[in-house]
Amino acid sequence: MEIEILQDKKRSLYVYKNNKLLFYSKVKSNWTNRITEIYNHDDVLLLEVKYKMTLIKSYYKILFQNELVKEDIVEITDTRIIFDSNKRLYTKQDYFIAIYGNYSYYFEEKRVSQLKQKNWLSNPKIFLSINDENLEFLNLVIFHILAIEAGYSYD
């Protein structure tokens, strides 16, 4: 399955499958904080995540999680999402030197999806590939991408 994620001028991300909107994000930010709100196609707020950056560390805090999110998301970092108490999806760069920010998601050492970015376009795009046997992780992967990628400018 192929998923396309587009960025608009406000640095929000829109997730499409076969040209149908699945999810989107809205971003509020200043130079040290960013709050990302993630909505479904019916404009229902599903997840709200705060990103804070200090000189030493950056972290994500889940401010709100709708009961419609079937997995209980416990923690989000730049490289992983922990859900249902202790299960985790984590990322690994696809190449030793990752020029374009391409990476894959893994669950228990098994690759579940692959992400490819095209940041040099006027409207940056992200392409997500996931096999049918891993569809149970699709929403978690999308939530992680929206939480960590929304709000960045590639200009």
Protein backbone atom coordinates (compact mmCIF):
# COMPACT_ATOMS: atom_id res chain seq x y z
CA MET A 1 0.00 0.00 0.00
CA GLU A 2 1.27 3.45 -0.88
CA ILE A 3 0.50 6.50 1.23
CA GLU A 4 1.39 10.05 0.16
CA ILE A 5 2.01 12.83 2.68
CA LEU A 6 2.08 16.44 1.45
CA GLN A 7 3.21 19.60 3.21
CA ASP A 8 1.45 22.93 2.70
CA LYS A 9 2.78 26.48 3.09
CA LYS A 10 1.78 26.51 6.78
CA ARG A 11 3.97 23.42 7.35
CA SER A 12 0.97 21.20 8.03
CA LEU A 13 0.95 17.67 6.66
CA TYR A 14 -1.86 15.92 4.78
CA VAL A 15 -2.00 12.12 4.48
CA TYR A 16 -3.64 10.61 1.37
CA LYS A 17 -4.39 7.10 0.20
CA ASN A 18 -5.60 6.90 -3.41
CA ASN A 19 -6.21 10.69 -3.36
CA LYS A 20 -8.51 10.33 -0.33
CA LEU A 21 -7.62 12.30 2.82
CA LEU A 22 -6.95 10.05 5.83
CA PHE A 23 -5.35 12.41 8.37
CA TYR A 24 -3.90 15.90 8.59
CA SER A 25 -1.95 17.99 11.07
CA LYS A 26 -2.07 21.58 12.24
CA VAL A 27 1.01 23.17 13.76
CA LYS A 28 1.42 26.01 16.25
CA SER A 29 5.02 26.92 16.96
CA ASN A 30 7.64 29.33 18.17
CA TRP A 31 11.39 28.87 18.13
CA THR A 32 11.56 26.38 21.06
CA ASN A 33 8.11 24.78 21.15
CA ARG A 34 5.79 23.20 18.63
CA ILE A 35 2.31 21.80 19.21
CA THR A 36 1.05 19.43 16.54
CA GLU A 37 -2.63 18.56 16.39
CA ILE A 38 -3.53 15.45 14.37
CA TYR A 39 -7.03 15.14 12.91
CA ASN A 40 -8.84 12.46 10.96
CA HIS A 41 -10.66 13.11 7.68
CA ASP A 42 -13.82 14.09 9.63
CA ASP A 43 -11.96 16.93 11.44
CA VAL A 44 -11.94 15.03 14.75
CA LEU A 45 -8.89 15.76 16.92
CA LEU A 46 -7.15 12.44 17.57
CA LEU A 47 -3.81 13.40 19.06
CA GLU A 48 -2.07 16.52 20.31
CA VAL A 49 1.70 16.42 20.80
CA LYS A 50 4.03 19.09 22.17
CA TYR A 51 7.64 19.20 21.00
CA LYS A 52 10.06 21.14 23.17
CA MET A 53 13.67 21.81 22.37
CA THR A 54 16.29 22.95 24.86
CA LEU A 55 20.02 23.38 24.44
CA ILE A 56 20.63 19.91 25.84
CA LYS A 57 17.61 17.82 24.88
CA SER A 58 14.45 17.71 22.86
CA TYR A 59 11.35 15.78 23.82
CA TYR A 60 7.74 15.12 22.90
CA LYS A 61 4.83 15.16 25.33
CA ILE A 62 1.37 13.79 24.53
CA LEU A 63 -1.13 16.48 25.57
CA PHE A 64 -4.30 14.78 24.33
CA GLN A 65 -5.28 11.41 22.94
CA ASN A 66 -8.80 10.74 21.70
CA GLU A 67 -10.48 7.47 22.66
CA LEU A 68 -10.90 6.82 18.91
CA VAL A 69 -7.16 6.05 18.77
CA LYS A 70 -7.33 2.29 19.24
CA GLU A 71 -3.75 1.95 20.48
CA ASP A 72 -2.74 3.62 23.73
CA ILE A 73 0.24 5.75 22.69
CA VAL A 74 2.53 6.03 25.69
CA GLU A 75 5.57 7.89 24.32
CA ILE A 76 6.87 9.53 21.16
CA THR A 77 10.50 10.38 20.43
CA ASP A 78 12.36 11.31 17.25
CA THR A 79 13.06 7.64 16.56
CA ARG A 80 10.25 5.61 18.14
CA ILE A 81 6.63 5.42 19.21
CA ILE A 82 5.72 3.29 22.23
CA PHE A 83 2.15 1.99 22.48
CA ASP A 84 0.00 -0.45 24.43
CA SER A 85 2.29 -0.25 27.48
CA ASN A 86 5.54 -1.65 26.08
CA LYS A 87 5.27 -2.34 22.33
CA ARG A 88 7.36 -0.10 20.12
CA LEU A 89 7.92 0.85 16.54
CA TYR A 90 11.31 2.35 15.89
CA THR A 91 13.09 3.88 12.92
CA LYS A 92 16.40 3.09 11.24
CA GLN A 93 18.03 5.00 8.43
CA ASP A 94 17.89 3.04 5.18
CA TYR A 95 21.45 3.95 4.27
CA PHE A 96 24.57 4.63 6.29
CA ILE A 97 24.57 8.21 5.02
CA ALA A 98 20.95 9.36 4.79
CA ILE A 99 21.01 12.38 2.50
CA TYR A 100 17.29 12.55 1.84
CA GLY A 101 15.97 11.47 5.24
CA ASN A 102 14.74 8.08 4.05
CA TYR A 103 14.16 5.54 6.78
CA SER A 104 12.12 2.47 7.71
CA TYR A 105 9.93 1.51 10.65
CA TYR A 106 10.60 -1.72 12.51
CA PHE A 107 8.65 -3.81 15.00
CA GLU A 108 10.61 -6.51 16.83
CA GLU A 109 13.46 -6.39 14.26
CA LYS A 110 11.01 -6.81 11.34
CA ARG A 111 10.62 -3.98 8.83
CA VAL A 112 6.98 -2.94 8.64
CA SER A 113 7.16 0.15 6.40
CA GLN A 114 9.51 2.34 4.41
CA LEU A 115 9.51 6.13 4.14
CA LYS A 116 10.99 8.16 1.27
CA GLN A 117 11.13 11.94 1.29
CA LYS A 118 11.33 14.42 -1.55
CA ASN A 119 12.20 17.67 0.20
CA TRP A 120 13.56 19.57 -2.79
CA LEU A 121 10.08 20.06 -4.31
CA SER A 122 8.17 23.33 -3.88
CA ASN A 123 5.68 21.36 -1.75
CA PRO A 124 7.68 18.61 -0.02
CA LYS A 125 6.29 15.07 -0.23
CA ILE A 126 6.74 11.94 1.81
CA PHE A 127 5.94 8.51 0.39
CA LEU A 128 5.13 5.71 2.79
CA SER A 129 5.06 2.06 1.68
CA ILE A 130 3.56 -0.61 3.90
CA ASN A 131 2.77 -4.24 3.11
CA ASP A 132 -0.72 -5.60 3.70
CA GLU A 133 0.48 -7.91 6.48
CA ASN A 134 1.64 -4.85 8.46
CA LEU A 135 -1.49 -2.69 8.12
CA GLU A 136 -2.13 -2.96 11.87
CA PHE A 137 0.78 -0.51 12.30
CA LEU A 138 -0.33 1.98 9.64
CA ASN A 139 -2.02 4.51 11.92
CA LEU A 140 0.83 4.41 14.44
CA VAL A 141 3.41 5.03 11.71
CA ILE A 142 1.32 7.91 10.33
CA PHE A 143 0.84 9.44 13.80
CA HIS A 144 4.58 9.26 14.40
CA ILE A 145 5.39 10.88 11.06
CA LEU A 146 2.86 13.66 11.64
CA ALA A 147 4.16 14.27 15.18
CA ILE A 148 7.85 14.48 14.24
CA GLU A 149 7.76 15.87 10.68
CA ALA A 150 4.99 18.50 10.81
CA GLY A 151 6.19 22.04 11.35
CA TYR A 152 9.58 21.72 9.67
CA SER A 153 10.51 23.93 6.78
CA TYR A 154 12.63 22.45 4.02
CA ASP A 155 13.24 25.81 2.33
